[in-house]
Amino acid sequence: MSAKGWIHLPRKEGITSRQAHADLPAGSYEREIGRDGFFGPASHIYHAHPPTGWTAFEGPMRPRAFNAQTAAVESSDPFEAASLFTSPGMKLRIWATDQPMPHLARNADGDELLFIHRGAGDLFCDFGHMTYSEGDYILLPRGTMWRLEPHQRSVTLLIEATNGAYTLPERGILGPHAIFDPAALETPTLDEAFKRQQGERETQIRVKRRNRFSTITYPFNPLDAIGWKGDVCALKLNWRDIRPVMSHRYHLPPSVHATFLAERFVVCTFVPRPIESDPGALKVPFFHSNDDYDEVIFYHAGEFFSRDNIKPGMVTFHPSGFTHGPHPKAFAAGGTKTMTDEVAVMIDARDGLDMGEAARAQEVTAYADSWKSP
């Protein structure tokens, strides 16, 4: 017999709320201590002072912010993209180009997930052709040959699942069509545009394996498929096709916004949604100590009312080991807003992330101070 589903009775001590993230004791600040991201057991502590009300924060664990869009390297080669963060299970890079790729790319180290922050154009790969535009996720299975032909300058976030693969999150009792219907996933087609790019011209493939590069040259374009079948292929999903899970009485954790899962990290998408309307419900992200995961958020569009002076194209980094949550001004803003209009990509990584030099060069060094209570 499985223990799943057994009733657990948590311990309680002192003054608490009856429900997490709602009806907090007067004058208190709730902090969640959770394990395994937001998927595991958790406790809630009710503090007399804001958990982020520090007067100074020194050392490598401090929260970081930087302009990723400015850090993007201009190149027709995605493997020259600026490195933002790395870990044994993930590489996060940002890339900008307004030129067609002169060769094919193949990542033999893991699945590659592209998020199109700006731009539009065509993608050609083993499985055919599809257009792309702002707000698209494009998932390229490990070993896929591909190239982009931008119609507009394209700024792209690249998220490599190193030595791993992406899957879709388990939707459980929500059912298979919640968050986004799998029918919304688009796949390439062997259309006329794909056939036109075929031909007997010399073509090179740049291949990455174990972070080293090889070049394979063909006397023809190897994107020459006449057909394919199966359930491994490139796919596309736009954030506008994501319909977030909501509760008017309870602020849901980021885990409900999971879009793609990898072995050592999860990719979540925050999209516009109504703000909680119940008078007692917390209307901003709750303070939390996420002690098993490093958190990175890329801000794509909208007004990020839970963050102060964070604009589209920027990234925040909150290493595991310290409490974080909304900025002080967010509580006042949350009391007046009825909708969020923010769009952001969040990565929760199980392995510690190393920040790249391209990110450090664009860092907003005063970000940790912006958390101080006014």
Protein backbone atom coordinates (compact mmCIF):
# COMPACT_ATOMS: atom_id res chain seq x y z
CA MET A 1 0.00 0.00 0.00
CA SER A 2 1.17 3.52 -0.75
CA ALA A 3 1.39 6.23 1.94
CA LYS A 4 0.21 8.79 -0.60
CA GLY A 5 -2.99 10.47 0.48
CA TRP A 6 -2.65 9.88 4.21
CA ILE A 7 -3.79 12.78 6.40
CA HIS A 8 -0.91 14.71 7.97
CA LEU A 9 -1.53 16.85 11.06
CA PRO A 10 1.15 19.55 11.29
CA ARG A 11 2.38 20.82 14.64
CA LYS A 12 1.35 24.32 15.76
CA GLU A 13 2.94 26.65 18.30
CA GLY A 14 1.95 30.15 19.32
CA ILE A 15 -0.13 32.52 17.21
CA THR A 16 -0.63 31.40 13.60
CA SER A 17 -3.14 31.70 10.80
CA ARG A 18 -5.54 28.86 10.09
CA GLN A 19 -4.62 28.93 6.41
CA ALA A 20 -1.23 29.57 4.81
CA HIS A 21 -1.02 32.92 2.96
CA ALA A 22 -4.34 34.15 4.34
CA ASP A 23 -5.68 35.95 7.40
CA LEU A 24 -2.27 36.52 8.94
CA PRO A 25 -2.16 37.46 12.65
CA ALA A 26 -2.37 41.24 12.99
CA GLY A 27 0.95 42.95 12.34
CA SER A 28 2.74 39.72 11.43
CA TYR A 29 4.78 38.69 8.40
CA GLU A 30 4.54 35.11 7.18
CA ARG A 31 7.63 33.21 6.05
CA GLU A 32 7.47 29.79 4.41
CA ILE A 33 10.28 27.32 4.94
CA GLY A 34 9.90 24.73 2.21
CA ARG A 35 11.75 21.69 0.93
CA ASP A 36 12.12 20.47 -2.63
CA GLY A 37 11.17 23.85 -4.03
CA PHE A 38 7.45 24.30 -3.52
CA PHE A 39 6.75 20.60 -4.06
CA GLY A 40 7.76 19.26 -0.63
CA PRO A 41 6.85 19.69 3.05
CA ALA A 42 6.74 23.19 4.47
CA SER A 43 6.24 25.19 7.66
CA HIS A 44 5.11 28.77 8.16
CA ILE A 45 6.62 31.13 10.71
CA TYR A 46 4.89 34.37 11.70
CA HIS A 47 7.34 37.18 12.40
CA ALA A 48 6.95 40.56 14.08
CA HIS A 49 9.26 42.19 11.47
CA PRO A 50 9.63 41.77 7.68
CA PRO A 51 12.03 38.86 7.02
CA THR A 52 13.83 41.03 4.44
CA GLY A 53 14.17 44.03 6.73
CA TRP A 54 17.97 43.87 6.83
CA THR A 55 20.17 46.97 7.10
CA ALA A 56 23.13 45.42 5.26
CA PHE A 57 23.77 42.32 3.16
CA GLU A 58 27.34 41.31 2.38
CA GLY A 59 28.80 38.22 0.76
CA PRO A 60 28.13 36.02 -2.27
CA MET A 61 24.64 34.94 -1.16
CA ARG A 62 23.17 38.42 -1.63
CA PRO A 63 20.29 38.86 -4.08
CA ARG A 64 21.45 40.01 -7.50
CA ALA A 65 19.89 41.82 -10.45
CA PHE A 66 21.25 42.75 -13.87
CA ASN A 67 20.21 43.77 -17.35
CA ALA A 68 20.36 40.58 -19.38
CA GLN A 69 19.20 42.26 -22.59
CA THR A 70 22.28 44.50 -22.50
CA ALA A 71 24.48 41.49 -21.82
CA ALA A 72 23.28 39.70 -24.98
CA VAL A 73 26.09 38.99 -27.46
CA GLU A 74 25.42 39.99 -31.08
CA SER A 75 26.33 36.99 -33.22
CA SER A 76 24.90 34.78 -35.93
CA ASP A 77 26.13 31.77 -33.89
CA PRO A 78 23.98 30.76 -30.87
CA PHE A 79 26.95 28.98 -29.30
CA GLU A 80 28.58 32.40 -28.88
CA ALA A 81 25.68 33.59 -26.71
CA ALA A 82 26.58 35.30 -23.43
CA SER A 83 26.66 32.95 -20.46
CA LEU A 84 24.48 34.16 -17.58
CA PHE A 85 24.41 31.12 -15.25
CA THR A 86 25.78 27.59 -15.28
CA SER A 87 25.46 24.50 -13.12
CA PRO A 88 26.11 20.79 -13.75
CA GLY A 89 22.50 20.42 -14.95
CA MET A 90 21.81 23.70 -16.75
CA LYS A 91 23.25 26.48 -18.86
CA LEU A 92 21.43 29.80 -19.21
CA ARG A 93 22.58 32.13 -22.01
CA ILE A 94 21.24 35.14 -23.90
CA TRP A 95 21.75 35.76 -27.61
CA ALA A 96 20.95 38.55 -30.05
CA THR A 97 21.07 38.41 -33.83
CA ASP A 98 19.64 40.15 -36.87
CA GLN A 99 21.48 37.91 -39.34
CA PRO A 100 20.57 34.45 -40.69
CA MET A 101 22.67 31.69 -39.17
CA PRO A 102 25.32 30.73 -41.78
CA HIS A 103 25.49 27.15 -40.50
CA LEU A 104 23.36 24.64 -38.64
CA ALA A 105 23.68 24.17 -34.87
CA ARG A 106 23.40 20.90 -32.97
CA ASN A 107 23.55 20.67 -29.18
CA ALA A 108 24.64 17.16 -28.23
CA ASP A 109 24.85 18.06 -24.53
CA GLY A 110 21.12 18.30 -23.81
CA ASP A 111 17.73 19.62 -24.87
CA GLU A 112 17.71 23.33 -25.74
CA LEU A 113 14.78 25.57 -24.80
CA LEU A 114 14.59 28.94 -26.54
CA PHE A 115 12.47 31.81 -25.24
CA ILE A 116 12.03 34.62 -27.77
CA HIS A 117 12.17 37.90 -25.83
CA ARG A 118 12.21 40.11 -28.93
CA GLY A 119 11.96 39.57 -32.68
CA ALA A 120 10.41 37.30 -35.27
CA GLY A 121 11.56 35.06 -38.10
CA ASP A 122 11.81 31.49 -39.36
CA LEU A 123 13.23 28.38 -37.75
CA PHE A 124 14.38 25.43 -39.89
CA CYS A 125 15.27 22.12 -38.28
CA ASP A 126 15.28 18.35 -38.88
CA PHE A 127 11.51 18.27 -38.54
CA GLY A 128 10.69 21.08 -40.93
CA HIS A 129 9.91 24.79 -40.74
CA MET A 130 7.98 27.04 -38.39
CA THR A 131 7.80 30.76 -37.79
CA TYR A 132 8.61 32.30 -34.43
CA SER A 133 7.75 35.59 -32.73
CA GLU A 134 7.97 37.41 -29.41
CA GLY A 135 6.88 35.28 -26.45
CA ASP A 136 7.46 31.88 -28.05
CA TYR A 137 9.10 28.96 -26.32
CA ILE A 138 10.82 26.66 -28.83
CA LEU A 139 11.91 23.26 -27.52
CA LEU A 140 14.66 21.56 -29.54
CA PRO A 141 15.36 17.94 -28.53
CA ARG A 142 18.97 17.02 -27.92
CA GLY A 143 20.85 16.52 -31.17
CA THR A 144 18.39 18.47 -33.34
CA MET A 145 19.96 20.35 -36.28
CA TRP A 146 18.52 23.87 -36.57
CA ARG A 147 19.04 27.43 -37.68
CA LEU A 148 17.20 30.77 -37.47
CA GLU A 149 16.49 33.33 -40.18
CA PRO A 150 15.37 36.48 -38.33
CA HIS A 151 12.99 38.93 -40.00
CA GLN A 152 13.48 41.26 -37.01
CA ARG A 153 16.42 41.48 -34.62
CA SER A 154 15.86 38.60 -32.23
CA VAL A 155 16.86 38.48 -28.55
CA THR A 156 16.62 34.92 -27.25
CA LEU A 157 17.03 33.27 -23.89
CA LEU A 158 18.65 29.82 -24.25
CA ILE A 159 18.07 27.27 -21.47
CA GLU A 160 20.05 24.05 -21.89
CA ALA A 161 19.04 20.96 -19.91
CA THR A 162 22.59 19.65 -19.70
CA ASN A 163 22.74 15.87 -20.11
CA GLY A 164 18.97 15.80 -19.75
CA ALA A 165 15.59 16.28 -21.36
CA TYR A 166 12.48 18.40 -20.90
CA THR A 167 9.09 16.98 -19.98
CA LEU A 168 5.71 18.55 -19.24
CA PRO A 169 4.61 18.89 -15.61
CA GLU A 170 2.14 16.48 -14.07
CA ARG A 171 -1.25 18.21 -13.93
CA GLY A 172 -2.82 15.78 -11.46
CA ILE A 173 -6.43 16.48 -10.50
CA LEU A 174 -6.47 19.57 -12.75
CA GLY A 175 -6.66 17.25 -15.75
CA PRO A 176 -4.58 17.04 -18.94
CA HIS A 177 -5.88 20.27 -20.49
CA ALA A 178 -5.11 22.60 -17.58
CA ILE A 179 -2.56 25.41 -17.81
CA PHE A 180 -2.27 24.82 -21.54
CA ASP A 181 -3.96 22.32 -23.81
CA PRO A 182 -1.37 20.05 -25.46
CA ALA A 183 -3.19 20.86 -28.71
CA ALA A 184 -1.68 24.36 -28.39
CA LEU A 185 1.80 22.92 -28.93
CA GLU A 186 2.87 23.58 -32.52
CA THR A 187 5.32 21.42 -34.46
CA PRO A 188 7.30 22.12 -37.64
CA THR A 189 5.86 21.34 -41.05
CA LEU A 190 7.49 20.16 -44.28
CA ASP A 191 6.05 23.11 -46.16
CA GLU A 192 7.18 24.98 -49.26
CA ALA A 193 9.50 27.22 -47.24
CA PHE A 194 11.27 24.11 -45.93
CA LYS A 195 11.58 22.62 -49.40
CA ARG A 196 12.94 25.87 -50.85
CA GLN A 197 15.87 25.92 -48.42
CA GLN A 198 16.99 22.42 -49.48
CA GLY A 199 19.65 22.00 -52.11
CA GLU A 200 23.04 20.71 -53.23
CA ARG A 201 25.10 23.42 -51.55
CA GLU A 202 27.87 22.94 -49.04
CA THR A 203 26.51 23.17 -45.50
CA GLN A 204 28.26 23.05 -42.16
CA ILE A 205 26.93 21.89 -38.80
CA ARG A 206 28.52 23.21 -35.63
CA VAL A 207 28.12 20.56 -32.92
CA LYS A 208 28.58 21.07 -29.16
CA ARG A 209 29.45 18.04 -27.04
CA ARG A 210 30.86 18.28 -23.50
CA ASN A 211 31.17 22.00 -24.15
CA ARG A 212 33.64 21.43 -27.00
CA PHE A 213 32.90 22.10 -30.65
CA SER A 214 33.22 20.15 -33.87
CA THR A 215 32.33 21.16 -37.42
CA ILE A 216 30.81 18.69 -39.86
CA THR A 217 30.68 19.67 -43.54
CA TYR A 218 28.28 18.22 -46.12
CA PRO A 219 28.16 18.85 -49.89
CA PHE A 220 24.37 19.33 -49.47
CA ASN A 221 21.96 20.80 -46.93
CA PRO A 222 21.21 17.95 -44.48
CA LEU A 223 17.84 19.49 -43.64
CA ASP A 224 16.46 17.41 -46.48
CA ALA A 225 13.69 15.38 -44.80
CA ILE A 226 10.89 14.19 -47.05
CA GLY A 227 8.86 12.98 -44.06
CA TRP A 228 8.98 11.97 -40.41
CA LYS A 229 6.83 10.25 -37.77
CA GLY A 230 7.09 9.75 -34.04
CA ASP A 231 6.72 11.67 -30.80
CA VAL A 232 10.16 13.26 -30.47
CA CYS A 233 10.27 16.55 -32.33
CA ALA A 234 10.73 20.29 -31.97
CA LEU A 235 7.74 22.17 -30.58
CA LYS A 236 6.57 25.72 -29.93
CA LEU A 237 4.39 27.28 -27.23
CA ASN A 238 3.59 30.98 -26.81
CA TRP A 239 3.00 32.37 -23.32
CA ARG A 240 -0.37 33.70 -24.52
CA ASP A 241 -1.58 30.08 -24.75
CA ILE A 242 -0.91 29.56 -21.03
CA ARG A 243 -4.01 29.84 -18.84
CA PRO A 244 -2.79 30.12 -15.25
CA VAL A 245 -4.29 28.28 -12.33
CA MET A 246 -5.90 30.84 -10.02
CA SER A 247 -7.54 31.10 -6.62
CA HIS A 248 -9.34 34.21 -5.43
CA ARG A 249 -8.87 33.18 -1.78
CA TYR A 250 -5.27 31.88 -1.71
CA HIS A 251 -1.98 33.05 -3.24
CA LEU A 252 -0.72 30.00 -5.12
CA PRO A 253 2.99 29.06 -5.08
CA PRO A 254 5.17 29.40 -8.18
CA SER A 255 5.16 25.62 -8.68
CA VAL A 256 1.62 25.76 -10.11
CA HIS A 257 3.02 27.84 -12.98
CA ALA A 258 5.48 25.10 -14.05
CA THR A 259 5.71 24.92 -17.85
CA PHE A 260 8.63 22.55 -18.49
CA LEU A 261 10.47 20.14 -16.18
CA ALA A 262 14.07 18.99 -16.48
CA GLU A 263 15.96 16.55 -14.27
CA ARG A 264 17.64 19.25 -12.15
CA PHE A 265 15.45 22.33 -12.61
CA VAL A 266 11.97 23.55 -13.45
CA VAL A 267 10.90 26.33 -15.85
CA CYS A 268 7.82 28.32 -14.78
CA THR A 269 5.96 31.05 -16.66
CA PHE A 270 4.21 33.92 -14.90
CA VAL A 271 1.48 35.42 -17.10
CA PRO A 272 -1.23 38.06 -16.49
CA ARG A 273 -3.92 36.98 -14.06
CA PRO A 274 -6.47 38.45 -11.62
CA ILE A 275 -5.12 39.28 -8.16
CA GLU A 276 -6.69 37.52 -5.19
CA SER A 277 -9.93 39.24 -4.20
CA ASP A 278 -10.63 37.69 -0.79
CA PRO A 279 -10.04 40.38 1.88
CA GLY A 280 -7.86 38.08 3.98
CA ALA A 281 -5.80 36.55 1.16
CA LEU A 282 -2.18 37.56 0.64
CA LYS A 283 -2.02 39.48 -2.65
CA VAL A 284 1.74 39.46 -3.22
CA PRO A 285 4.31 36.63 -3.34
CA PHE A 286 4.89 35.36 0.19
CA PHE A 287 8.24 35.53 1.98
CA HIS A 288 9.94 32.17 1.64
CA SER A 289 13.18 30.37 2.36
CA ASN A 290 13.67 28.17 -0.68
CA ASP A 291 16.58 26.22 0.77
CA ASP A 292 16.88 23.53 -1.91
CA TYR A 293 16.80 25.65 -5.09
CA ASP A 294 18.49 28.69 -6.61
CA GLU A 295 15.93 31.01 -8.25
CA VAL A 296 16.42 33.00 -11.47
CA ILE A 297 13.67 35.15 -13.00
CA PHE A 298 13.84 36.72 -16.47
CA TYR A 299 11.39 39.61 -16.79
CA HIS A 300 9.88 39.65 -20.27
CA ALA A 301 7.02 42.17 -20.29
CA GLY A 302 4.66 44.19 -18.13
CA GLU A 303 4.94 45.89 -14.76
CA PHE A 304 6.50 43.75 -12.04
CA PHE A 305 4.79 45.20 -9.01
CA SER A 306 6.42 42.77 -6.55
CA ARG A 307 9.88 44.04 -7.61
CA ASP A 308 11.21 47.59 -7.36
CA ASN A 309 12.89 49.18 -10.42
CA ILE A 310 12.97 45.92 -12.40
CA LYS A 311 12.26 46.39 -16.11
CA PRO A 312 11.69 44.03 -19.06
CA GLY A 313 14.92 42.38 -20.17
CA MET A 314 16.32 42.22 -16.64
CA VAL A 315 17.11 39.17 -14.49
CA THR A 316 17.03 38.66 -10.72
CA PHE A 317 18.96 35.93 -8.93
CA HIS A 318 18.07 34.72 -5.43
CA PRO A 319 20.43 31.97 -4.24
CA SER A 320 19.08 29.40 -1.81
CA GLY A 321 19.85 30.01 1.83
CA PHE A 322 18.20 33.36 2.55
CA THR A 323 14.64 34.59 2.83
CA HIS A 324 13.20 36.61 -0.02
CA GLY A 325 9.82 37.79 -1.23
CA PRO A 326 8.08 41.02 -2.24
CA HIS A 327 9.74 44.40 -2.02
CA PRO A 328 8.29 46.73 0.66
CA LYS A 329 6.34 48.84 -1.86
CA ALA A 330 4.57 45.75 -3.21
CA PHE A 331 2.25 45.42 -0.22
CA ALA A 332 0.72 48.83 -0.91
CA ALA A 333 0.52 48.14 -4.65
CA GLY A 334 -1.09 44.75 -4.06
CA GLY A 335 -3.90 46.41 -2.12
CA THR A 336 -4.97 48.55 -5.08
CA LYS A 337 -4.36 46.36 -8.13
CA THR A 338 -6.92 43.89 -9.46
CA MET A 339 -4.79 42.35 -12.25
CA THR A 340 -1.14 41.60 -12.87
CA ASP A 341 0.18 42.26 -16.37
CA GLU A 342 3.63 40.76 -15.86
CA VAL A 343 5.17 38.05 -18.03
CA ALA A 344 8.29 36.35 -16.70
CA VAL A 345 10.26 33.12 -17.00
CA MET A 346 11.40 31.60 -13.70
CA ILE A 347 13.99 28.86 -13.31
CA ASP A 348 14.31 27.00 -10.02
CA ALA A 349 17.56 25.02 -10.10
CA ARG A 350 18.40 22.19 -7.69
CA ASP A 351 22.15 22.70 -8.19
CA GLY A 352 23.90 25.91 -7.17
CA LEU A 353 24.22 28.37 -10.08
CA ASP A 354 27.47 30.12 -10.99
CA MET A 355 26.96 33.65 -12.33
CA GLY A 356 28.74 34.42 -15.61
CA GLU A 357 30.98 37.41 -16.27
CA ALA A 358 28.51 38.81 -18.82
CA ALA A 359 25.90 38.99 -16.05
CA ARG A 360 28.31 40.47 -13.50
CA ALA A 361 29.26 43.23 -15.93
CA GLN A 362 25.63 44.41 -16.05
CA GLU A 363 24.84 44.00 -12.35
CA VAL A 364 22.75 46.53 -10.46
CA THR A 365 24.86 46.45 -7.30
CA ALA A 366 22.29 48.30 -5.17
CA TYR A 367 19.63 45.61 -5.66
CA ALA A 368 20.16 44.04 -2.21
CA ASP A 369 19.61 47.46 -0.60
CA SER A 370 16.26 47.86 -2.35
CA TRP A 371 14.83 45.20 -0.03
CA LYS A 372 15.37 47.31 3.08
CA SER A 373 12.23 48.47 4.84
CA PRO A 374 11.45 52.12 4.04
